[in-house]
Amino acid sequence: MRLKDLLKYEKITLQCHDNPDADAIASAYGLYLYFKSKKKDTSIIYGGRNEIQKTNLKLLVEKMRIPMLFCAERDLYFRGLLITVDCQDGESNVTHFDSDALAIIDHHQVDGSAIKNRELTDIRPELGSCSTLVWDLLNQEGVDANNNIKLSTCLYYGLMTDTGNFIEAKHPLDKDMRDSLKYDKPFINQLINSNISLKELEIAGIALIRYVYNRDNRFAMIHAKPCDPNILGLISDFLLQVDVIDTCVVFNETPDGYKLSTRSCIREARADELIEYLTKDVGDGGGHLDKAGGFISKHKYNVIYKDMDIDSYVGMTMNRYFASNETLDASELDINDGSFKKYVKRSATMGVLDLTNLWDIGTPVTVRTRAGDVNTKIDPKYYVMMDASGKAYSISRDRFTKCFKLTGEAYHNDTDYIPTLRNRLSGESRGLEKYIKNCISIKKSYVMAKELEKQVKFFSSWDEESYSLGNKGDYIVARTDDKNDLTIVTREVFMNNYEKC
């Protein structure tokens, strides 16, 4: 769906969920400005029991002069098009209003069966915020949010609050918006310093005295009362300062699920991995080594764990996480012990990028793909390689010349994001689609590999601080020309790219 597809309606009403948060307000504001610029009769509404009460949100609405209209009545009919923003009609946190037509712009998980008109729907649960979705929709119409400091500030704050200060901003579009927006820094600081109310301070205090502690695995968990997601992070940060707590998870209930915040201060447990373990099959999450956040969908949870309360599930899953992992260090492995077998790598189509064509030698840059960010410098001695999944890594020109050749065909990756290159000095960003060349391997590459019989946390020889997670069936792989270069390769990737000698 494109925003221009909705311009056939003369009257457009943008509905936020009840008790709207910063992301809902910012998203609706971005759409409001777009439709207003097209001379449409546009308004922003929200229902529920109460008007906006949080200090930072009231400040956001007042300072940005966002025309939010509270609808206390429920039996209202809106002519023209009603767009639910950062929410979906039929959910428990959305007051139902009748209208001539209904559209949805949202980033939350969806059942799908309730959507009546998919042509008027744009739902992207992979994004960290609805603000990111609106920013992308505006970009598609040639609208630069940076031309309006109020809009860019709102979108920035919407993403920041919905991703726990960007900890959960893992999709490249989230990162692109965060990095590109020019915002009012003093006002953002003012909003941050107005974020916690006395009621939320009380919620945090009560939560901290109701902790559950696991002595064997040195983790703590807290089920807090409903509150702003940032409060969960505040509680998590405080918990981790306790001398006998190495990891923690703090969570609370929302209308459509459970919000979680994790922390870790030990190398054997990554916060981002822990949140992915907690939300596997029932939600989504992401973050960094020490801080992460996620969401569990009630709909998905009830399908699998309908007879288990959330406290029991979190406690059980935390214990399973610690019980199921074994630490493995590359320095302790001997690939000549008989358990490793020799394999040859199949010829594969890759992408190669010459960064020297884009900026000056020595410029620090970030290669951004769907698989993550790679920070490097423009160096005439190196190329950047990309596989079909979008994963990027550096390779010396000498090694490339020996192992690969260009095909002359266009590069294609199997993701929803076109790789970009960001200049970390100037902030300028460029799409890489026309710069990436297709290549294939011309030299047989041999490895020694061993299938994992259980899940392991693998510490490589070049990174002793963090680990790669290897699941049962994955492979530990070592190059025959460098037996100290061991890495974890997923079973699917290994089977697609290697065959036994």
Protein backbone atom coordinates (compact mmCIF):
# COMPACT_ATOMS: atom_id res chain seq x y z
CA MET A 1 0.00 0.00 0.00
CA ARG A 2 1.16 3.54 -0.81
CA LEU A 3 -0.08 6.69 0.89
CA LYS A 4 -1.01 8.10 -2.49
CA ASP A 5 -3.47 5.20 -2.85
CA LEU A 6 -5.51 6.73 0.00
CA LEU A 7 -5.84 10.18 -1.57
CA LYS A 8 -9.14 9.20 -3.21
CA TYR A 9 -10.77 9.86 0.18
CA GLU A 10 -11.55 13.52 0.92
CA LYS A 11 -12.02 12.99 4.67
CA ILE A 12 -9.41 10.98 6.57
CA THR A 13 -9.46 10.22 10.30
CA LEU A 14 -6.35 8.85 12.00
CA GLN A 15 -7.10 6.76 15.10
CA CYS A 16 -4.45 5.96 17.72
CA HIS A 17 -4.95 3.17 20.23
CA ASP A 18 -6.51 4.02 23.60
CA ASN A 19 -4.03 5.67 25.98
CA PRO A 20 -1.70 6.45 23.05
CA ASP A 21 2.06 6.32 23.51
CA ALA A 22 4.76 8.40 21.83
CA ASP A 23 5.04 6.06 18.85
CA ALA A 24 1.31 6.20 18.10
CA ILE A 25 1.26 9.99 18.45
CA ALA A 26 4.33 10.49 16.24
CA SER A 27 3.03 8.09 13.57
CA ALA A 28 -0.37 9.76 13.43
CA TYR A 29 1.28 13.19 13.28
CA GLY A 30 3.43 12.18 10.29
CA LEU A 31 0.37 10.92 8.41
CA TYR A 32 -1.63 14.00 9.44
CA LEU A 33 0.96 16.35 7.92
CA TYR A 34 1.06 14.33 4.69
CA PHE A 35 -2.70 14.25 4.15
CA LYS A 36 -3.07 17.89 5.16
CA SER A 37 -0.46 18.82 2.54
CA LYS A 38 -2.73 17.12 0.00
CA LYS A 39 -5.67 19.33 1.07
CA LYS A 40 -7.55 16.48 2.75
CA ASP A 41 -9.92 17.01 5.68
CA THR A 42 -7.77 15.23 8.28
CA SER A 43 -8.01 14.72 12.04
CA ILE A 44 -6.35 12.63 14.77
CA ILE A 45 -8.49 10.88 17.40
CA TYR A 46 -8.21 8.32 20.19
CA GLY A 47 -10.74 6.70 22.51
CA GLY A 48 -10.64 4.95 25.85
CA ARG A 49 -11.45 5.91 29.43
CA ASN A 50 -8.99 8.75 29.92
CA GLU A 51 -7.26 11.51 28.05
CA ILE A 52 -3.46 11.51 27.77
CA GLN A 53 -2.05 11.90 31.28
CA LYS A 54 1.70 11.21 31.13
CA THR A 55 3.77 14.37 31.52
CA ASN A 56 6.15 13.63 28.64
CA LEU A 57 3.29 12.82 26.24
CA LYS A 58 1.32 15.93 27.17
CA LEU A 59 4.50 17.93 26.65
CA LEU A 60 5.05 16.27 23.25
CA VAL A 61 1.52 17.07 22.07
CA GLU A 62 1.58 20.65 23.36
CA LYS A 63 5.08 21.60 22.15
CA MET A 64 4.60 20.04 18.70
CA ARG A 65 1.02 21.39 18.51
CA ILE A 66 -0.39 18.03 17.50
CA PRO A 67 -4.21 18.23 17.17
CA MET A 68 -5.18 15.16 19.21
CA LEU A 69 -8.94 14.79 19.80
CA PHE A 70 -10.16 12.57 22.66
CA CYS A 71 -13.44 10.78 21.88
CA ALA A 72 -15.17 9.77 25.09
CA GLU A 73 -18.25 8.57 23.20
CA ARG A 74 -18.17 5.15 21.59
CA ASP A 75 -21.15 5.30 19.22
CA LEU A 76 -19.49 7.54 16.65
CA TYR A 77 -19.47 7.23 12.88
CA PHE A 78 -16.68 8.71 10.78
CA ARG A 79 -17.30 9.59 7.16
CA GLY A 80 -14.62 8.77 4.64
CA LEU A 81 -11.56 6.74 5.60
CA LEU A 82 -10.61 5.73 9.16
CA ILE A 83 -6.98 4.64 9.57
CA THR A 84 -5.95 2.82 12.73
CA VAL A 85 -2.36 3.85 13.43
CA ASP A 86 0.01 1.75 15.57
CA CYS A 87 -2.98 -0.50 16.28
CA GLN A 88 -5.68 -2.60 14.64
CA ASP A 89 -9.44 -2.40 14.89
CA GLY A 90 -10.80 -5.25 16.98
CA GLU A 91 -7.92 -5.33 19.46
CA SER A 92 -8.71 -4.83 23.16
CA ASN A 93 -6.79 -1.54 23.36
CA VAL A 94 -8.64 0.07 20.44
CA THR A 95 -12.11 1.60 20.78
CA HIS A 96 -14.21 0.54 17.82
CA PHE A 97 -15.66 3.32 15.68
CA ASP A 98 -17.73 2.77 12.54
CA SER A 99 -16.66 4.38 9.28
CA ASP A 100 -17.18 4.27 5.51
CA ALA A 101 -13.81 2.57 4.98
CA LEU A 102 -11.02 1.23 7.20
CA ALA A 103 -7.23 1.09 6.69
CA ILE A 104 -4.46 -0.20 8.96
CA ILE A 105 -0.90 1.12 9.40
CA ASP A 106 0.81 -0.82 12.18
CA HIS A 107 3.93 -2.72 13.25
CA HIS A 108 2.45 -5.21 15.71
CA GLN A 109 2.00 -8.95 15.24
CA VAL A 110 -1.34 -9.74 13.61
CA ASP A 111 -3.63 -12.75 13.48
CA GLY A 112 -4.49 -11.95 9.88
CA SER A 113 -7.96 -13.48 9.85
CA ALA A 114 -9.55 -10.23 11.05
CA ILE A 115 -8.22 -8.11 8.17
CA LYS A 116 -11.04 -7.43 5.72
CA ASN A 117 -9.32 -5.24 3.13
CA ARG A 118 -5.67 -6.12 2.58
CA GLU A 119 -5.31 -3.47 -0.13
CA LEU A 120 -5.70 -0.83 2.59
CA THR A 121 -3.26 -2.48 4.99
CA ASP A 122 0.43 -2.07 5.75
CA ILE A 123 1.53 -4.13 8.75
CA ARG A 124 5.24 -4.77 9.31
CA PRO A 125 5.89 -6.59 12.61
CA GLU A 126 9.60 -6.79 11.80
CA LEU A 127 9.95 -3.04 12.47
CA GLY A 128 10.72 -1.66 15.92
CA SER A 129 8.18 1.16 15.69
CA CYS A 130 5.23 2.41 13.68
CA SER A 131 7.17 5.67 13.35
CA THR A 132 9.67 3.80 11.16
CA LEU A 133 6.86 2.50 8.98
CA VAL A 134 5.39 5.99 8.54
CA TRP A 135 8.87 7.41 7.81
CA ASP A 136 9.31 4.79 5.07
CA LEU A 137 5.85 5.51 3.63
CA LEU A 138 6.66 9.23 3.55
CA ASN A 139 9.98 8.51 1.82
CA GLN A 140 8.13 6.54 -0.85
CA GLU A 141 6.12 9.69 -1.60
CA GLY A 142 9.23 11.86 -1.75
CA VAL A 143 8.63 13.50 1.63
CA ASP A 144 11.77 14.22 3.67
CA ALA A 145 10.94 14.31 7.39
CA ASN A 146 13.99 16.46 8.01
CA ASN A 147 12.25 19.36 6.27
CA ASN A 148 10.04 19.64 9.37
CA ILE A 149 11.99 19.61 12.66
CA LYS A 150 8.81 18.92 14.64
CA LEU A 151 8.04 15.83 12.58
CA SER A 152 11.60 14.49 12.61
CA THR A 153 11.78 15.00 16.40
CA CYS A 154 8.50 13.17 16.94
CA LEU A 155 9.49 10.22 14.76
CA TYR A 156 12.86 9.96 16.50
CA TYR A 157 11.21 9.96 19.93
CA GLY A 158 8.60 7.45 18.78
CA LEU A 159 11.28 4.96 17.76
CA MET A 160 13.40 5.66 20.82
CA THR A 161 10.59 4.96 23.28
CA ASP A 162 9.22 1.92 21.45
CA THR A 163 12.63 0.23 21.26
CA GLY A 164 13.90 0.90 24.80
CA ASN A 165 16.28 3.71 23.81
CA PHE A 166 17.05 1.94 20.50
CA ILE A 167 18.18 -1.31 22.18
CA GLU A 168 15.54 -3.26 20.22
CA ALA A 169 16.03 -1.35 16.95
CA LYS A 170 17.40 -4.28 14.97
CA HIS A 171 15.76 -3.85 11.55
CA PRO A 172 17.95 -1.82 9.15
CA LEU A 173 15.07 0.58 8.43
CA ASP A 174 14.89 1.42 12.15
CA LYS A 175 18.61 2.12 12.13
CA ASP A 176 18.36 4.14 8.92
CA MET A 177 15.70 6.41 10.37
CA ARG A 178 17.55 6.80 13.67
CA ASP A 179 20.77 7.73 11.88
CA SER A 180 19.25 10.08 9.31
CA LEU A 181 16.80 12.18 11.34
CA LYS A 182 17.76 15.68 12.44
CA TYR A 183 15.95 16.31 15.69
CA ASP A 184 15.58 18.86 18.48
CA LYS A 185 18.10 17.47 20.99
CA PRO A 186 17.23 19.84 23.88
CA PHE A 187 13.55 18.93 23.57
CA ILE A 188 14.32 15.19 23.44
CA ASN A 189 16.32 15.61 26.67
CA GLN A 190 13.39 17.48 28.18
CA LEU A 191 11.07 14.60 27.26
CA ILE A 192 13.49 12.07 28.74
CA ASN A 193 13.64 14.03 31.99
CA SER A 194 9.83 14.06 32.16
CA ASN A 195 9.42 10.36 31.47
CA ILE A 196 8.69 8.92 34.90
CA SER A 197 5.65 9.88 36.95
CA LEU A 198 5.26 9.42 40.70
CA LYS A 199 2.91 6.53 40.00
CA GLU A 200 5.54 4.81 37.85
CA LEU A 201 8.16 5.45 40.50
CA GLU A 202 5.88 3.58 42.90
CA ILE A 203 5.45 0.75 40.37
CA ALA A 204 9.23 0.40 40.09
CA GLY A 205 9.66 0.42 43.85
CA ILE A 206 7.00 -2.24 44.44
CA ALA A 207 8.44 -4.38 41.63
CA LEU A 208 11.92 -4.34 43.16
CA ILE A 209 10.70 -5.82 46.43
CA ARG A 210 8.78 -8.57 44.63
CA TYR A 211 11.71 -10.11 42.80
CA VAL A 212 12.20 -13.85 42.34
CA TYR A 213 15.81 -15.01 42.62
CA ASN A 214 17.34 -18.21 41.25
CA ARG A 215 20.46 -18.98 43.30
CA ASP A 216 21.76 -21.81 41.10
CA ASN A 217 21.82 -19.78 37.88
CA ARG A 218 22.19 -16.34 39.51
CA PHE A 219 19.27 -14.70 37.71
CA ALA A 220 16.35 -12.60 38.92
CA MET A 221 12.90 -12.08 37.41
CA ILE A 222 10.17 -9.56 38.17
CA HIS A 223 6.57 -9.36 36.99
CA ALA A 224 5.83 -5.62 37.16
CA LYS A 225 2.50 -3.85 36.96
CA PRO A 226 1.52 -2.28 33.60
CA CYS A 227 3.80 0.70 32.91
CA ASP A 228 5.79 2.47 30.24
CA PRO A 229 8.34 0.07 28.62
CA ASN A 230 11.16 2.36 29.71
CA ILE A 231 10.32 1.59 33.34
CA LEU A 232 11.11 -2.08 32.69
CA GLY A 233 14.57 -1.08 31.53
CA LEU A 234 15.06 1.10 34.60
CA ILE A 235 14.15 -1.81 36.89
CA SER A 236 16.43 -4.17 34.92
CA ASP A 237 19.39 -1.81 35.17
CA PHE A 238 18.92 -1.52 38.92
CA LEU A 239 18.64 -5.30 39.39
CA LEU A 240 21.90 -5.96 37.62
CA GLN A 241 23.77 -3.86 40.18
CA VAL A 242 23.06 -6.49 42.86
CA ASP A 243 26.23 -8.47 43.60
CA VAL A 244 24.68 -11.95 43.25
CA ILE A 245 22.65 -11.25 40.06
CA ASP A 246 24.32 -11.90 36.68
CA THR A 247 21.23 -11.82 34.46
CA CYS A 248 17.65 -10.66 34.86
CA VAL A 249 14.34 -10.36 33.06
CA VAL A 250 11.60 -7.86 33.93
CA PHE A 251 8.21 -8.09 32.22
CA ASN A 252 4.66 -6.76 32.38
CA GLU A 253 1.35 -7.28 30.67
CA THR A 254 0.04 -5.14 27.81
CA PRO A 255 -3.38 -5.35 26.12
CA ASP A 256 -2.06 -7.67 23.40
CA GLY A 257 0.84 -9.42 25.11
CA TYR A 258 3.82 -9.10 27.43
CA LYS A 259 6.73 -6.70 27.19
CA LEU A 260 10.12 -7.99 28.40
CA SER A 261 13.47 -6.42 29.27
CA THR A 262 16.64 -8.47 29.82
CA ARG A 263 20.10 -7.61 31.12
CA SER A 264 23.36 -9.57 31.45
CA CYS A 265 26.82 -8.79 32.83
CA ILE A 266 28.55 -12.12 32.07
CA ARG A 267 30.05 -13.32 28.82
CA GLU A 268 28.33 -16.74 29.05
CA ALA A 269 24.85 -15.21 28.67
CA ARG A 270 24.04 -12.63 26.01
CA ALA A 271 20.99 -10.44 26.71
CA ASP A 272 19.95 -10.44 23.03
CA GLU A 273 20.17 -14.23 22.84
CA LEU A 274 18.27 -14.58 26.10
CA ILE A 275 15.40 -12.43 24.82
CA GLU A 276 15.25 -14.44 21.60
CA TYR A 277 15.09 -17.65 23.68
CA LEU A 278 12.25 -16.24 25.81
CA THR A 279 10.22 -15.10 22.80
CA LYS A 280 10.88 -18.03 20.46
CA ASP A 281 7.66 -19.14 18.69
CA VAL A 282 5.57 -16.67 20.72
CA GLY A 283 6.97 -13.24 19.84
CA ASP A 284 10.07 -11.35 18.86
CA GLY A 285 13.01 -9.54 20.43
CA GLY A 286 16.49 -8.18 19.99
CA GLY A 287 19.16 -5.93 21.40
CA HIS A 288 22.79 -6.04 22.44
CA LEU A 289 25.13 -8.23 24.48
CA ASP A 290 24.23 -6.55 27.77
CA LYS A 291 20.75 -5.10 27.12
CA ALA A 292 17.79 -6.37 25.13
CA GLY A 293 14.02 -6.23 24.96
CA GLY A 294 11.19 -8.15 23.39
CA PHE A 295 7.48 -8.87 23.14
CA ILE A 296 5.35 -11.99 23.61
CA SER A 297 2.06 -12.06 21.69
CA LYS A 298 -0.90 -13.24 23.76
CA HIS A 299 -2.43 -14.82 20.69
CA LYS A 300 0.67 -16.90 19.94
CA TYR A 301 1.32 -17.65 23.61
CA ASN A 302 -2.19 -18.95 24.24
CA VAL A 303 -1.97 -21.32 21.27
CA ILE A 304 1.09 -23.06 22.76
CA TYR A 305 0.96 -22.38 26.52
CA LYS A 306 -2.72 -21.75 27.25
CA ASP A 307 -2.56 -23.74 30.53
CA MET A 308 0.58 -22.00 31.87
CA ASP A 309 0.67 -18.58 33.51
CA ILE A 310 3.31 -16.14 32.27
CA ASP A 311 5.35 -16.22 35.51
CA SER A 312 5.75 -20.00 35.30
CA TYR A 313 6.67 -19.76 31.62
CA VAL A 314 9.39 -17.13 32.17
CA GLY A 315 10.88 -19.03 35.11
CA MET A 316 10.79 -22.36 33.27
CA THR A 317 12.32 -20.87 30.12
CA MET A 318 15.11 -19.11 32.02
CA ASN A 319 16.07 -22.38 33.71
CA ARG A 320 15.97 -24.23 30.39
CA TYR A 321 18.22 -21.60 28.86
CA PHE A 322 20.94 -22.12 31.45
CA ALA A 323 20.54 -25.91 31.48
CA SER A 324 20.69 -26.34 27.71
CA ASN A 325 23.95 -24.56 26.99
CA GLU A 326 27.54 -25.81 27.09
CA THR A 327 30.50 -23.45 26.67
CA LEU A 328 33.06 -24.37 23.99
CA ASP A 329 36.32 -22.49 23.42
CA ALA A 330 38.13 -22.60 20.06
CA SER A 331 41.50 -22.69 21.80
CA GLU A 332 40.56 -26.03 23.38
CA LEU A 333 39.59 -27.79 20.12
CA ASP A 334 41.82 -30.13 18.14
CA ILE A 335 40.58 -30.58 14.56
CA ASN A 336 42.92 -33.56 14.17
CA ASP A 337 41.26 -35.62 16.92
CA GLY A 338 39.30 -37.70 14.40
CA SER A 339 35.90 -36.11 15.03
CA PHE A 340 36.36 -33.52 12.26
CA LYS A 341 35.76 -34.56 8.62
CA LYS A 342 36.97 -32.93 5.41
CA TYR A 343 34.48 -31.09 3.17
CA VAL A 344 34.73 -29.05 -0.02
CA LYS A 345 32.79 -25.85 -0.57
CA ARG A 346 30.41 -25.79 -3.54
CA SER A 347 30.60 -22.97 -6.06
CA ALA A 348 28.28 -20.20 -4.84
CA THR A 349 27.03 -16.90 -6.21
CA MET A 350 28.08 -13.93 -4.11
CA GLY A 351 28.15 -10.15 -4.26
CA VAL A 352 31.33 -8.07 -4.14
CA LEU A 353 31.65 -4.36 -3.40
CA ASP A 354 34.57 -2.02 -4.07
CA LEU A 355 34.21 0.74 -1.46
CA THR A 356 36.94 2.90 -3.00
CA ASN A 357 34.42 3.98 -5.67
CA LEU A 358 32.24 5.69 -3.07
CA TRP A 359 34.33 7.78 -0.64
CA ASP A 360 37.95 8.67 0.12
CA ILE A 361 40.45 6.08 1.35
CA GLY A 362 40.37 5.79 5.15
CA THR A 363 36.75 6.96 5.54
CA PRO A 364 35.02 5.06 8.38
CA VAL A 365 31.81 3.53 7.04
CA THR A 366 29.02 1.17 8.06
CA VAL A 367 27.80 -1.46 5.63
CA ARG A 368 24.17 -2.07 6.57
CA THR A 369 22.34 -5.21 5.45
CA ARG A 370 19.33 -7.15 6.65
CA ALA A 371 21.77 -9.42 8.48
CA GLY A 372 23.23 -6.54 10.49
CA ASP A 373 25.82 -3.76 10.45
CA VAL A 374 29.50 -4.15 9.59
CA ASN A 375 31.81 -1.28 10.56
CA THR A 376 34.96 -0.87 8.48
CA LYS A 377 37.16 1.69 6.73
CA ILE A 378 37.57 2.22 3.00
CA ASP A 379 40.80 0.40 2.22
CA PRO A 380 42.18 -0.30 -1.28
CA LYS A 381 43.47 -3.67 -0.02
CA TYR A 382 39.98 -5.01 0.74
CA TYR A 383 36.60 -5.69 -0.85
CA VAL A 384 33.30 -6.34 0.93
CA MET A 385 31.60 -9.65 0.16
CA MET A 386 27.87 -10.40 0.52
CA ASP A 387 26.05 -13.71 0.35
CA ALA A 388 22.45 -14.26 -0.81
CA SER A 389 21.12 -13.68 2.72
CA GLY A 390 22.77 -10.26 2.82
CA LYS A 391 25.50 -11.12 5.33
CA ALA A 392 28.58 -8.96 4.72
CA TYR A 393 32.26 -9.41 5.56
CA SER A 394 35.66 -8.09 4.39
CA ILE A 395 37.98 -10.01 2.08
CA SER A 396 41.46 -9.09 0.84
CA ARG A 397 41.74 -8.27 -2.86
CA ASP A 398 44.45 -10.89 -3.22
CA ARG A 399 42.23 -13.62 -1.79
CA PHE A 400 39.27 -12.47 -3.92
CA THR A 401 41.37 -12.62 -7.10
CA LYS A 402 42.48 -16.17 -6.28
CA CYS A 403 39.04 -17.48 -5.29
CA PHE A 404 36.38 -15.55 -7.27
CA LYS A 405 35.56 -14.07 -10.66
CA LEU A 406 32.93 -11.53 -11.75
CA THR A 407 29.96 -12.84 -13.76
CA GLY A 408 28.64 -9.57 -15.19
CA GLU A 409 25.19 -10.29 -13.78
CA ALA A 410 23.28 -8.14 -11.28
CA TYR A 411 23.56 -9.03 -7.59
CA HIS A 412 20.40 -10.18 -5.85
CA ASN A 413 19.75 -10.92 -2.18
CA ASP A 414 16.79 -12.72 -0.67
CA THR A 415 15.84 -10.04 1.86
CA ASP A 416 13.41 -7.12 2.12
CA TYR A 417 16.18 -4.52 2.43
CA ILE A 418 18.58 -3.06 -0.14
CA PRO A 419 22.09 -2.83 1.42
CA THR A 420 23.31 0.70 2.19
CA LEU A 421 26.64 2.32 3.05
CA ARG A 422 26.79 5.05 5.67
CA ASN A 423 29.65 7.53 6.01
CA ARG A 424 30.26 7.69 9.77
CA LEU A 425 31.96 11.08 9.47
CA SER A 426 29.36 12.97 7.43
CA GLY A 427 26.28 10.86 8.15
CA GLU A 428 25.58 10.54 4.41
CA SER A 429 24.01 7.27 3.30
CA ARG A 430 23.98 5.62 -0.14
CA GLY A 431 22.12 2.64 -1.55
CA LEU A 432 24.51 -0.07 -2.75
CA GLU A 433 22.33 -1.94 -5.22
CA LYS A 434 24.03 -0.52 -8.33
CA TYR A 435 27.54 -0.86 -6.87
CA ILE A 436 27.46 -4.55 -5.89
CA LYS A 437 28.78 -6.92 -8.57
CA ASN A 438 27.94 -10.60 -8.91
CA CYS A 439 30.73 -13.16 -8.62
CA ILE A 440 31.24 -16.90 -8.29
CA SER A 441 33.98 -18.96 -6.67
CA ILE A 442 36.59 -20.43 -9.03
CA LYS A 443 38.84 -22.19 -6.55
CA LYS A 444 37.95 -25.20 -4.49
CA SER A 445 37.94 -24.35 -0.81
CA TYR A 446 38.39 -27.13 1.74
CA VAL A 447 37.35 -27.15 5.39
CA MET A 448 37.37 -29.47 8.38
CA ALA A 449 33.94 -29.68 10.01
CA LYS A 450 32.20 -31.37 12.93
CA GLU A 451 28.45 -31.62 13.56
CA LEU A 452 27.28 -30.43 16.96
CA GLU A 453 25.51 -33.01 19.09
CA LYS A 454 24.11 -30.42 21.49
CA GLN A 455 23.62 -26.66 21.78
CA VAL A 456 26.86 -24.79 22.56
CA LYS A 457 28.11 -21.27 23.18
CA PHE A 458 31.20 -21.03 21.01
CA PHE A 459 34.01 -18.58 21.80
CA SER A 460 36.25 -18.01 18.78
CA SER A 461 39.98 -17.33 18.87
CA TRP A 462 39.52 -13.72 17.70
CA ASP A 463 36.75 -12.70 20.11
CA GLU A 464 37.01 -13.84 23.71
CA GLU A 465 34.29 -11.48 24.97
CA SER A 466 31.25 -12.75 23.07
CA TYR A 467 30.17 -16.06 21.59
CA SER A 468 28.27 -17.55 18.68
CA LEU A 469 25.37 -19.84 19.49
CA GLY A 470 25.53 -23.23 17.86
CA ASN A 471 22.44 -25.44 17.89
CA LYS A 472 22.30 -29.21 17.67
CA GLY A 473 22.90 -30.13 14.02
CA ASP A 474 24.95 -27.02 13.23
CA TYR A 475 28.65 -27.36 12.36
CA ILE A 476 31.97 -26.14 13.72
CA VAL A 477 34.02 -25.31 10.62
CA ALA A 478 37.78 -24.68 10.23
CA ARG A 479 39.58 -23.68 7.04
CA THR A 480 42.31 -26.15 6.08
CA ASP A 481 44.69 -23.29 5.28
CA ASP A 482 44.12 -21.72 8.72
CA LYS A 483 43.16 -24.28 11.35
CA ASN A 484 42.88 -21.62 14.02
CA ASP A 485 40.03 -19.93 12.10
CA LEU A 486 37.05 -21.82 13.53
CA THR A 487 33.46 -20.65 13.29
CA ILE A 488 29.87 -21.86 13.70
CA VAL A 489 27.87 -22.47 10.51
CA THR A 490 24.14 -23.23 10.66
CA ARG A 491 23.03 -26.62 9.42
CA GLU A 492 21.01 -25.17 6.52
CA VAL A 493 23.89 -23.01 5.28
CA PHE A 494 26.39 -25.84 5.68
CA MET A 495 24.27 -28.35 3.77
CA ASN A 496 23.70 -25.85 0.95
CA ASN A 497 27.35 -24.90 0.59
CA TYR A 498 29.53 -27.93 1.48
CA GLU A 499 29.80 -31.55 0.49
CA LYS A 500 31.88 -34.34 1.98
CA CYS A 501 35.13 -35.24 0.25
